Amino acid sequence: MYAIVRTGGKQYQVACGDQLRVEKLDGNVGDSIDLNDVLMVVSGGDVKVGQPVLENAKVTAKIAEQGKSKKVIIFKKKRRKGYRLKNGHRQSYTALKIEEISA
């Protein structure tokens, strides 16, 4: 059994026991969170597709980690002009452990 959920402007395929990183969500490590934007649920041969979301369907997950990803370096330069700019960015994320899919 798996589901397609939408969070943080992206779509993810999840199954029970999966761990995935999503855009930062509010909460502390160990908190339980419900993902209500369920777009599709597949259970064996039974496929339920929402228009756009399924009513009364949710995915329950536990927050496993709150963190920041690796640093991405942004470097800009214009030749012969003396213009050089260096910045870095670390995106925040939330790691979720999927516990239950209910449709």
PDB file of N, CA and C in Angstrom:
ATOM      1  N   MET A   1       0.849  -1.182   0.000  1.00  0.00           N
ATOM      2  CA  MET A   1       0.000   0.000   0.000  1.00  0.00           C
ATOM      3  C   MET A   1       0.886   1.234   0.000  1.00  0.00           C
ATOM      4  N   TYR A   2       0.591   2.162  -0.891  1.00  0.00           N
ATOM      5  CA  TYR A   2       1.321   3.420  -0.906  1.00  0.00           C
ATOM      6  C   TYR A   2       0.377   4.562  -1.259  1.00  0.00           C
ATOM      7  N   ALA A   3       0.869   5.787  -1.039  1.00  0.00           N
ATOM      8  CA  ALA A   3       0.056   6.976  -1.290  1.00  0.00           C
ATOM      9  C   ALA A   3       0.931   8.057  -1.908  1.00  0.00           C
ATOM     10  N   ILE A   4       0.285   8.965  -2.616  1.00  0.00           N
ATOM     11  CA  ILE A   4       0.949  10.155  -3.135  1.00  0.00           C
ATOM     12  C   ILE A   4       0.430  11.331  -2.310  1.00  0.00           C
ATOM     13  N   VAL A   5       1.343  12.042  -1.633  1.00  0.00           N
ATOM     14  CA  VAL A   5       0.952  13.173  -0.793  1.00  0.00           C
ATOM     15  C   VAL A   5       1.626  14.434  -1.312  1.00  0.00           C
ATOM     16  N   ARG A   6       1.011  15.578  -0.983  1.00  0.00           N
ATOM     17  CA  ARG A   6       1.545  16.882  -1.377  1.00  0.00           C
ATOM     18  C   ARG A   6       1.852  17.675  -0.120  1.00  0.00           C
ATOM     19  N   THR A   7       3.094  18.137  -0.010  1.00  0.00           N
ATOM     20  CA  THR A   7       3.484  19.008   1.087  1.00  0.00           C
ATOM     21  C   THR A   7       4.659  19.866   0.635  1.00  0.00           C
ATOM     22  N   GLY A   8       4.643  21.116   1.018  1.00  0.00           N
ATOM     23  CA  GLY A   8       5.722  22.025   0.658  1.00  0.00           C
ATOM     24  C   GLY A   8       5.802  22.310  -0.826  1.00  0.00           C
ATOM     25  N   GLY A   9       4.682  22.176  -1.550  1.00  0.00           N
ATOM     26  CA  GLY A   9       4.679  22.444  -2.970  1.00  0.00           C
ATOM     27  C   GLY A   9       5.228  21.311  -3.813  1.00  0.00           C
ATOM     28  N   LYS A  10       5.513  20.165  -3.199  1.00  0.00           N
ATOM     29  CA  LYS A  10       6.051  19.016  -3.914  1.00  0.00           C
ATOM     30  C   LYS A  10       5.183  17.788  -3.631  1.00  0.00           C
ATOM     31  N   GLN A  11       5.312  16.771  -4.473  1.00  0.00           N
ATOM     32  CA  GLN A  11       4.557  15.532  -4.299  1.00  0.00           C
ATOM     33  C   GLN A  11       5.531  14.402  -4.004  1.00  0.00           C
ATOM     34  N   TYR A  12       5.129  13.522  -3.089  1.00  0.00           N
ATOM     35  CA  TYR A  12       5.974  12.410  -2.665  1.00  0.00           C
ATOM     36  C   TYR A  12       5.172  11.114  -2.673  1.00  0.00           C
ATOM     37  N   GLN A  13       5.825  10.019  -3.063  1.00  0.00           N
ATOM     38  CA  GLN A  13       5.221   8.695  -2.954  1.00  0.00           C
ATOM     39  C   GLN A  13       5.713   8.096  -1.647  1.00  0.00           C
ATOM     40  N   VAL A  14       4.773   7.706  -0.768  1.00  0.00           N
ATOM     41  CA  VAL A  14       5.136   7.198   0.550  1.00  0.00           C
ATOM     42  C   VAL A  14       4.452   5.867   0.810  1.00  0.00           C
ATOM     43  N   ALA A  15       5.103   5.041   1.599  1.00  0.00           N
ATOM     44  CA  ALA A  15       4.550   3.777   2.076  1.00  0.00           C
ATOM     45  C   ALA A  15       4.846   3.705   3.571  1.00  0.00           C
ATOM     46  N   CYS A  16       4.180   2.808   4.273  1.00  0.00           N
ATOM     47  CA  CYS A  16       4.402   2.663   5.712  1.00  0.00           C
ATOM     48  C   CYS A  16       5.858   2.260   5.965  1.00  0.00           C
ATOM     49  N   GLY A  17       6.482   2.925   6.920  1.00  0.00           N
ATOM     50  CA  GLY A  17       7.866   2.626   7.259  1.00  0.00           C
ATOM     51  C   GLY A  17       8.882   3.471   6.509  1.00  0.00           C
ATOM     52  N   ASP A  18       8.457   4.211   5.500  1.00  0.00           N
ATOM     53  CA  ASP A  18       9.376   5.064   4.743  1.00  0.00           C
ATOM     54  C   ASP A  18       9.819   6.256   5.577  1.00  0.00           C
ATOM     55  N   GLN A  19      11.010   6.770   5.254  1.00  0.00           N
ATOM     56  CA  GLN A  19      11.477   8.016   5.847  1.00  0.00           C
ATOM     57  C   GLN A  19      11.822   8.958   4.709  1.00  0.00           C
ATOM     58  N   LEU A  20      11.324  10.195   4.772  1.00  0.00           N
ATOM     59  CA  LEU A  20      11.590  11.145   3.705  1.00  0.00           C
ATOM     60  C   LEU A  20      11.821  12.526   4.274  1.00  0.00           C
ATOM     61  N   ARG A  21      12.545  13.336   3.488  1.00  0.00           N
ATOM     62  CA  ARG A  21      12.812  14.725   3.858  1.00  0.00           C
ATOM     63  C   ARG A  21      11.883  15.627   3.075  1.00  0.00           C
ATOM     64  N   VAL A  22      11.190  16.507   3.797  1.00  0.00           N
ATOM     65  CA  VAL A  22      10.271  17.459   3.174  1.00  0.00           C
ATOM     66  C   VAL A  22      10.672  18.867   3.601  1.00  0.00           C
ATOM     67  N   GLU A  23      10.052  19.862   2.986  1.00  0.00           N
ATOM     68  CA  GLU A  23      10.291  21.246   3.391  1.00  0.00           C
ATOM     69  C   GLU A  23       9.920  21.394   4.865  1.00  0.00           C
ATOM     70  N   LYS A  24      10.546  22.322   5.553  1.00  0.00           N
ATOM     71  CA  LYS A  24      10.394  22.466   7.002  1.00  0.00           C
ATOM     72  C   LYS A  24       8.934  22.591   7.432  1.00  0.00           C
ATOM     73  N   LEU A  25       8.558  21.780   8.417  1.00  0.00           N
ATOM     74  CA  LEU A  25       7.239  21.822   9.036  1.00  0.00           C
ATOM     75  C   LEU A  25       7.416  22.161  10.505  1.00  0.00           C
ATOM     76  N   ASP A  26       6.418  22.833  11.089  1.00  0.00           N
ATOM     77  CA  ASP A  26       6.480  23.175  12.504  1.00  0.00           C
ATOM     78  C   ASP A  26       6.297  21.926  13.352  1.00  0.00           C
ATOM     79  N   GLY A  27       7.014  21.860  14.457  1.00  0.00           N
ATOM     80  CA  GLY A  27       6.892  20.741  15.381  1.00  0.00           C
ATOM     81  C   GLY A  27       8.248  20.332  15.913  1.00  0.00           C
ATOM     82  N   ASN A  28       8.223  19.519  16.961  1.00  0.00           N
ATOM     83  CA  ASN A  28       9.435  19.027  17.593  1.00  0.00           C
ATOM     84  C   ASN A  28       9.654  17.561  17.229  1.00  0.00           C
ATOM     85  N   VAL A  29      10.872  17.088  17.438  1.00  0.00           N
ATOM     86  CA  VAL A  29      11.195  15.686  17.161  1.00  0.00           C
ATOM     87  C   VAL A  29      10.333  14.797  18.054  1.00  0.00           C
ATOM     88  N   GLY A  30       9.688  13.803  17.447  1.00  0.00           N
ATOM     89  CA  GLY A  30       8.819  12.893  18.187  1.00  0.00           C
ATOM     90  C   GLY A  30       7.346  13.233  18.060  1.00  0.00           C
ATOM     91  N   ASP A  31       7.034  14.443  17.600  1.00  0.00           N
ATOM     92  CA  ASP A  31       5.632  14.831  17.416  1.00  0.00           C
ATOM     93  C   ASP A  31       5.017  14.062  16.257  1.00  0.00           C
ATOM     94  N   SER A  32       3.717  13.802  16.363  1.00  0.00           N
ATOM     95  CA  SER A  32       2.979  13.160  15.285  1.00  0.00           C
ATOM     96  C   SER A  32       2.319  14.239  14.438  1.00  0.00           C
ATOM     97  N   ILE A  33       2.298  14.016  13.127  1.00  0.00           N
ATOM     98  CA  ILE A  33       1.763  15.011  12.207  1.00  0.00           C
ATOM     99  C   ILE A  33       0.904  14.299  11.174  1.00  0.00           C
ATOM    100  N   ASP A  34      -0.196  14.943  10.771  1.00  0.00           N
ATOM    101  CA  ASP A  34      -1.091  14.389   9.756  1.00  0.00           C
ATOM    102  C   ASP A  34      -0.907  15.151   8.454  1.00  0.00           C
ATOM    103  N   LEU A  35      -0.713  14.411   7.367  1.00  0.00           N
ATOM    104  CA  LEU A  35      -0.651  14.991   6.033  1.00  0.00           C
ATOM    105  C   LEU A  35      -2.003  14.745   5.380  1.00  0.00           C
ATOM    106  N   ASN A  36      -2.778  15.816   5.184  1.00  0.00           N
ATOM    107  CA  ASN A  36      -4.149  15.677   4.695  1.00  0.00           C
ATOM    108  C   ASN A  36      -4.285  15.854   3.191  1.00  0.00           C
ATOM    109  N   ASP A  37      -3.259  16.368   2.518  1.00  0.00           N
ATOM    110  CA  ASP A  37      -3.306  16.524   1.059  1.00  0.00           C
ATOM    111  C   ASP A  37      -2.886  15.215   0.398  1.00  0.00           C
ATOM    112  N   VAL A  38      -3.771  14.224   0.429  1.00  0.00           N
ATOM    113  CA  VAL A  38      -3.505  12.920  -0.173  1.00  0.00           C
ATOM    114  C   VAL A  38      -4.125  12.926  -1.567  1.00  0.00           C
ATOM    115  N   LEU A  39      -3.285  12.757  -2.587  1.00  0.00           N
ATOM    116  CA  LEU A  39      -3.746  12.833  -3.970  1.00  0.00           C
ATOM    117  C   LEU A  39      -4.179  11.475  -4.511  1.00  0.00           C
ATOM    118  N   MET A  40      -3.536  10.389  -4.044  1.00  0.00           N
ATOM    119  CA  MET A  40      -3.855   9.065  -4.549  1.00  0.00           C
ATOM    120  C   MET A  40      -3.455   8.019  -3.523  1.00  0.00           C
ATOM    121  N   VAL A  41      -4.247   6.943  -3.423  1.00  0.00           N
ATOM    122  CA  VAL A  41      -3.932   5.815  -2.556  1.00  0.00           C
ATOM    123  C   VAL A  41      -4.060   4.544  -3.380  1.00  0.00           C
ATOM    124  N   VAL A  42      -3.026   3.692  -3.329  1.00  0.00           N
ATOM    125  CA  VAL A  42      -3.027   2.413  -4.031  1.00  0.00           C
ATOM    126  C   VAL A  42      -2.879   1.316  -2.990  1.00  0.00           C
ATOM    127  N   SER A  43      -3.857   0.399  -2.965  1.00  0.00           N
ATOM    128  CA  SER A  43      -3.834  -0.728  -2.042  1.00  0.00           C
ATOM    129  C   SER A  43      -4.085  -1.999  -2.853  1.00  0.00           C
ATOM    130  N   GLY A  44      -3.015  -2.721  -3.153  1.00  0.00           N
ATOM    131  CA  GLY A  44      -3.146  -3.894  -3.999  1.00  0.00           C
ATOM    132  C   GLY A  44      -3.565  -3.485  -5.394  1.00  0.00           C
ATOM    133  N   GLY A  45      -4.722  -3.973  -5.856  1.00  0.00           N
ATOM    134  CA  GLY A  45      -5.243  -3.583  -7.159  1.00  0.00           C
ATOM    135  C   GLY A  45      -6.231  -2.434  -7.083  1.00  0.00           C
ATOM    136  N   ASP A  46      -6.547  -1.992  -5.861  1.00  0.00           N
ATOM    137  CA  ASP A  46      -7.521  -0.920  -5.660  1.00  0.00           C
ATOM    138  C   ASP A  46      -6.823   0.437  -5.714  1.00  0.00           C
ATOM    139  N   VAL A  47      -7.218   1.279  -6.677  1.00  0.00           N
ATOM    140  CA  VAL A  47      -6.606   2.599  -6.846  1.00  0.00           C
ATOM    141  C   VAL A  47      -7.680   3.661  -6.620  1.00  0.00           C
ATOM    142  N   LYS A  48      -7.400   4.578  -5.694  1.00  0.00           N
ATOM    143  CA  LYS A  48      -8.307   5.699  -5.445  1.00  0.00           C
ATOM    144  C   LYS A  48      -7.572   6.981  -5.813  1.00  0.00           C
ATOM    145  N   VAL A  49      -8.160   7.753  -6.727  1.00  0.00           N
ATOM    146  CA  VAL A  49      -7.547   8.993  -7.180  1.00  0.00           C
ATOM    147  C   VAL A  49      -8.457  10.149  -6.793  1.00  0.00           C
ATOM    148  N   GLY A  50      -7.883  11.187  -6.203  1.00  0.00           N
ATOM    149  CA  GLY A  50      -8.653  12.347  -5.782  1.00  0.00           C
ATOM    150  C   GLY A  50      -8.780  13.369  -6.895  1.00  0.00           C
ATOM    151  N   GLN A  51      -9.720  14.282  -6.713  1.00  0.00           N
ATOM    152  CA  GLN A  51      -9.942  15.346  -7.697  1.00  0.00           C
ATOM    153  C   GLN A  51     -10.033  16.695  -6.997  1.00  0.00           C
ATOM    154  N   PRO A  52      -8.997  17.353  -6.558  1.00  0.00           N
ATOM    155  CA  PRO A  52      -7.599  16.941  -6.616  1.00  0.00           C
ATOM    156  C   PRO A  52      -7.153  16.110  -5.420  1.00  0.00           C
ATOM    157  N   VAL A  53      -7.851  16.192  -4.267  1.00  0.00           N
ATOM    158  CA  VAL A  53      -7.438  15.412  -3.094  1.00  0.00           C
ATOM    159  C   VAL A  53      -8.550  14.454  -2.698  1.00  0.00           C
ATOM    160  N   LEU A  54      -8.165  13.402  -1.983  1.00  0.00           N
ATOM    161  CA  LEU A  54      -9.138  12.436  -1.478  1.00  0.00           C
ATOM    162  C   LEU A  54      -9.729  12.941  -0.172  1.00  0.00           C
ATOM    163  N   GLU A  55     -11.038  12.871  -0.067  1.00  0.00           N
ATOM    164  CA  GLU A  55     -11.699  13.239   1.186  1.00  0.00           C
ATOM    165  C   GLU A  55     -11.501  12.101   2.191  1.00  0.00           C
ATOM    166  N   ASN A  56     -11.367  12.446   3.471  1.00  0.00           N
ATOM    167  CA  ASN A  56     -11.239  11.493   4.577  1.00  0.00           C
ATOM    168  C   ASN A  56     -10.015  10.596   4.449  1.00  0.00           C
ATOM    169  N   ALA A  57      -9.025  10.986   3.679  1.00  0.00           N
ATOM    170  CA  ALA A  57      -7.782  10.228   3.595  1.00  0.00           C
ATOM    171  C   ALA A  57      -6.680  11.042   4.266  1.00  0.00           C
ATOM    172  N   LYS A  58      -5.813  10.358   5.000  1.00  0.00           N
ATOM    173  CA  LYS A  58      -4.695  11.055   5.629  1.00  0.00           C
ATOM    174  C   LYS A  58      -3.535  10.094   5.820  1.00  0.00           C
ATOM    175  N   VAL A  59      -2.365  10.683   5.913  1.00  0.00           N
ATOM    176  CA  VAL A  59      -1.140   9.930   6.175  1.00  0.00           C
ATOM    177  C   VAL A  59      -0.592  10.445   7.499  1.00  0.00           C
ATOM    178  N   THR A  60      -0.377   9.533   8.437  1.00  0.00           N
ATOM    179  CA  THR A  60       0.154   9.895   9.747  1.00  0.00           C
ATOM    180  C   THR A  60       1.650   9.626   9.764  1.00  0.00           C
ATOM    181  N   ALA A  61       2.413  10.627  10.204  1.00  0.00           N
ATOM    182  CA  ALA A  61       3.868  10.509  10.246  1.00  0.00           C
ATOM    183  C   ALA A  61       4.386  11.060  11.562  1.00  0.00           C
ATOM    184  N   LYS A  62       5.587  10.644  11.912  1.00  0.00           N
ATOM    185  CA  LYS A  62       6.244  11.142  13.115  1.00  0.00           C
ATOM    186  C   LYS A  62       7.483  11.916  12.681  1.00  0.00           C
ATOM    187  N   ILE A  63       7.733  13.045  13.324  1.00  0.00           N
ATOM    188  CA  ILE A  63       8.910  13.853  12.995  1.00  0.00           C
ATOM    189  C   ILE A  63      10.138  13.160  13.566  1.00  0.00           C
ATOM    190  N   ALA A  64      11.045  12.759  12.661  1.00  0.00           N
ATOM    191  CA  ALA A  64      12.252  12.054  13.073  1.00  0.00           C
ATOM    192  C   ALA A  64      13.424  13.010  13.283  1.00  0.00           C
ATOM    193  N   GLU A  65      13.434  14.123  12.539  1.00  0.00           N
ATOM    194  CA  GLU A  65      14.571  15.033  12.608  1.00  0.00           C
ATOM    195  C   GLU A  65      14.186  16.398  12.052  1.00  0.00           C
ATOM    196  N   GLN A  66      14.744  17.441  12.646  1.00  0.00           N
ATOM    197  CA  GLN A  66      14.661  18.802  12.111  1.00  0.00           C
ATOM    198  C   GLN A  66      16.100  19.223  11.840  1.00  0.00           C
ATOM    199  N   GLY A  67      16.404  19.644  10.635  1.00  0.00           N
ATOM    200  CA  GLY A  67      17.792  19.980  10.356  1.00  0.00           C
ATOM    201  C   GLY A  67      17.958  20.874   9.157  1.00  0.00           C
ATOM    202  N   LYS A  68      19.227  21.027   8.756  1.00  0.00           N
ATOM    203  CA  LYS A  68      19.579  21.806   7.582  1.00  0.00           C
ATOM    204  C   LYS A  68      20.409  20.928   6.661  1.00  0.00           C
ATOM    205  N   SER A  69      20.198  21.079   5.354  1.00  0.00           N
ATOM    206  CA  SER A  69      20.942  20.286   4.388  1.00  0.00           C
ATOM    207  C   SER A  69      22.333  20.887   4.177  1.00  0.00           C
ATOM    208  N   LYS A  70      23.111  20.263   3.303  1.00  0.00           N
ATOM    209  CA  LYS A  70      24.461  20.741   3.032  1.00  0.00           C
ATOM    210  C   LYS A  70      24.426  22.132   2.410  1.00  0.00           C
ATOM    211  N   LYS A  71      25.521  22.869   2.610  1.00  0.00           N
ATOM    212  CA  LYS A  71      25.597  24.235   2.107  1.00  0.00           C
ATOM    213  C   LYS A  71      25.779  24.231   0.589  1.00  0.00           C
ATOM    214  N   VAL A  72      25.016  25.099  -0.072  1.00  0.00           N
ATOM    215  CA  VAL A  72      25.144  25.322  -1.505  1.00  0.00           C
ATOM    216  C   VAL A  72      25.823  26.676  -1.678  1.00  0.00           C
ATOM    217  N   ILE A  73      26.905  26.706  -2.446  1.00  0.00           N
ATOM    218  CA  ILE A  73      27.648  27.938  -2.670  1.00  0.00           C
ATOM    219  C   ILE A  73      27.121  28.626  -3.933  1.00  0.00           C
ATOM    220  N   ILE A  74      26.816  29.914  -3.807  1.00  0.00           N
ATOM    221  CA  ILE A  74      26.386  30.734  -4.938  1.00  0.00           C
ATOM    222  C   ILE A  74      27.513  31.711  -5.231  1.00  0.00           C
ATOM    223  N   PHE A  75      28.063  31.663  -6.441  1.00  0.00           N
ATOM    224  CA  PHE A  75      29.168  32.546  -6.821  1.00  0.00           C
ATOM    225  C   PHE A  75      28.810  33.261  -8.110  1.00  0.00           C
ATOM    226  N   LYS A  76      28.845  34.602  -8.081  1.00  0.00           N
ATOM    227  CA  LYS A  76      28.550  35.409  -9.261  1.00  0.00           C
ATOM    228  C   LYS A  76      29.791  36.226  -9.608  1.00  0.00           C
ATOM    229  N   LYS A  77      30.017  36.394 -10.904  1.00  0.00           N
ATOM    230  CA  LYS A  77      31.176  37.159 -11.340  1.00  0.00           C
ATOM    231  C   LYS A  77      30.885  37.790 -12.699  1.00  0.00           C
ATOM    232  N   LYS A  78      31.362  39.026 -12.877  1.00  0.00           N
ATOM    233  CA  LYS A  78      31.321  39.682 -14.184  1.00  0.00           C
ATOM    234  C   LYS A  78      32.763  39.954 -14.588  1.00  0.00           C
ATOM    235  N   ARG A  79      33.151  39.435 -15.707  1.00  0.00           N
ATOM    236  CA  ARG A  79      34.555  39.546 -16.107  1.00  0.00           C
ATOM    237  C   ARG A  79      34.945  40.995 -16.398  1.00  0.00           C
ATOM    238  N   ARG A  80      36.167  41.305 -16.030  1.00  0.00           N
ATOM    239  CA  ARG A  80      36.793  42.613 -16.266  1.00  0.00           C
ATOM    240  C   ARG A  80      36.107  43.767 -15.527  1.00  0.00           C
ATOM    241  N   LYS A  81      35.207  43.518 -14.644  1.00  0.00           N
ATOM    242  CA  LYS A  81      34.497  44.594 -13.936  1.00  0.00           C
ATOM    243  C   LYS A  81      34.812  44.633 -12.441  1.00  0.00           C
ATOM    244  N   GLY A  82      35.513  43.650 -11.940  1.00  0.00           N
ATOM    245  CA  GLY A  82      35.831  43.614 -10.516  1.00  0.00           C
ATOM    246  C   GLY A  82      34.652  43.209  -9.649  1.00  0.00           C
ATOM    247  N   TYR A  83      33.628  42.635 -10.262  1.00  0.00           N
ATOM    248  CA  TYR A  83      32.423  42.231  -9.522  1.00  0.00           C
ATOM    249  C   TYR A  83      32.499  40.743  -9.213  1.00  0.00           C
ATOM    250  N   ARG A  84      32.587  40.433  -7.920  1.00  0.00           N
ATOM    251  CA  ARG A  84      32.563  39.041  -7.463  1.00  0.00           C
ATOM    252  C   ARG A  84      31.692  38.981  -6.218  1.00  0.00           C
ATOM    253  N   LEU A  85      30.808  38.001  -6.173  1.00  0.00           N
ATOM    254  CA  LEU A  85      29.889  37.861  -5.045  1.00  0.00           C
ATOM    255  C   LEU A  85      29.806  36.391  -4.674  1.00  0.00           C
ATOM    256  N   LYS A  86      30.001  36.089  -3.406  1.00  0.00           N
ATOM    257  CA  LYS A  86      29.936  34.711  -2.934  1.00  0.00           C
ATOM    258  C   LYS A  86      28.964  34.633  -1.770  1.00  0.00           C
ATOM    259  N   ASN A  87      27.962  33.773  -1.890  1.00  0.00           N
ATOM    260  CA  ASN A  87      26.975  33.548  -0.839  1.00  0.00           C
ATOM    261  C   ASN A  87      26.816  32.062  -0.627  1.00  0.00           C
ATOM    262  N   GLY A  88      26.261  31.700   0.507  1.00  0.00           N
ATOM    263  CA  GLY A  88      25.947  30.308   0.797  1.00  0.00           C
ATOM    264  C   GLY A  88      24.520  30.202   1.282  1.00  0.00           C
ATOM    265  N   HIS A  89      23.942  28.996   1.110  1.00  0.00           N
ATOM    266  CA  HIS A  89      22.560  28.763   1.543  1.00  0.00           C
ATOM    267  C   HIS A  89      22.428  27.346   2.082  1.00  0.00           C
ATOM    268  N   ARG A  90      21.774  27.210   3.232  1.00  0.00           N
ATOM    269  CA  ARG A  90      21.457  25.896   3.800  1.00  0.00           C
ATOM    270  C   ARG A  90      19.952  25.815   3.987  1.00  0.00           C
ATOM    271  N   GLN A  91      19.317  24.920   3.230  1.00  0.00           N
ATOM    272  CA  GLN A  91      17.865  24.777   3.266  1.00  0.00           C
ATOM    273  C   GLN A  91      17.446  23.962   4.494  1.00  0.00           C
ATOM    274  N   SER A  92      16.440  24.436   5.212  1.00  0.00           N
ATOM    275  CA  SER A  92      15.903  23.702   6.354  1.00  0.00           C
ATOM    276  C   SER A  92      14.992  22.578   5.867  1.00  0.00           C
ATOM    277  N   TYR A  93      14.997  21.458   6.590  1.00  0.00           N
ATOM    278  CA  TYR A  93      14.140  20.337   6.228  1.00  0.00           C
ATOM    279  C   TYR A  93      13.595  19.662   7.474  1.00  0.00           C
ATOM    280  N   THR A  94      12.570  18.847   7.270  1.00  0.00           N
ATOM    281  CA  THR A  94      12.010  18.002   8.308  1.00  0.00           C
ATOM    282  C   THR A  94      12.022  16.572   7.788  1.00  0.00           C
ATOM    283  N   ALA A  95      12.608  15.670   8.558  1.00  0.00           N
ATOM    284  CA  ALA A  95      12.609  14.259   8.186  1.00  0.00           C
ATOM    285  C   ALA A  95      11.404  13.599   8.842  1.00  0.00           C
ATOM    286  N   LEU A  96      10.574  12.921   8.038  1.00  0.00           N
ATOM    287  CA  LEU A  96       9.355  12.275   8.526  1.00  0.00           C
ATOM    288  C   LEU A  96       9.478  10.764   8.410  1.00  0.00           C
ATOM    289  N   LYS A  97       8.960  10.054   9.409  1.00  0.00           N
ATOM    290  CA  LYS A  97       8.867   8.601   9.386  1.00  0.00           C
ATOM    291  C   LYS A  97       7.373   8.281   9.230  1.00  0.00           C
ATOM    292  N   ILE A  98       6.993   7.650   8.108  1.00  0.00           N
ATOM    293  CA  ILE A  98       5.603   7.361   7.818  1.00  0.00           C
ATOM    294  C   ILE A  98       5.137   6.189   8.675  1.00  0.00           C
ATOM    295  N   GLU A  99       4.024   6.393   9.388  1.00  0.00           N
ATOM    296  CA  GLU A  99       3.508   5.364  10.288  1.00  0.00           C
ATOM    297  C   GLU A  99       2.257   4.682   9.772  1.00  0.00           C
ATOM    298  N   GLU A 100       1.324   5.473   9.190  1.00  0.00           N
ATOM    299  CA  GLU A 100       0.036   4.883   8.806  1.00  0.00           C
ATOM    300  C   GLU A 100      -0.551   5.634   7.629  1.00  0.00           C
ATOM    301  N   ILE A 101      -1.202   4.874   6.738  1.00  0.00           N
ATOM    302  CA  ILE A 101      -1.929   5.449   5.615  1.00  0.00           C
ATOM    303  C   ILE A 101      -3.380   4.988   5.756  1.00  0.00           C
ATOM    304  N   SER A 102      -4.300   5.950   5.862  1.00  0.00           N
ATOM    305  CA  SER A 102      -5.700   5.591   5.983  1.00  0.00           C
ATOM    306  C   SER A 102      -6.470   6.293   4.874  1.00  0.00           C
ATOM    307  N   ALA A 103      -7.366   5.524   4.219  1.00  0.00           N
ATOM    308  CA  ALA A 103      -8.119   6.081   3.097  1.00  0.00           C
ATOM    309  C   ALA A 103      -9.601   6.066   3.403  1.00  0.00           C
TER     310      ALA A 103
END
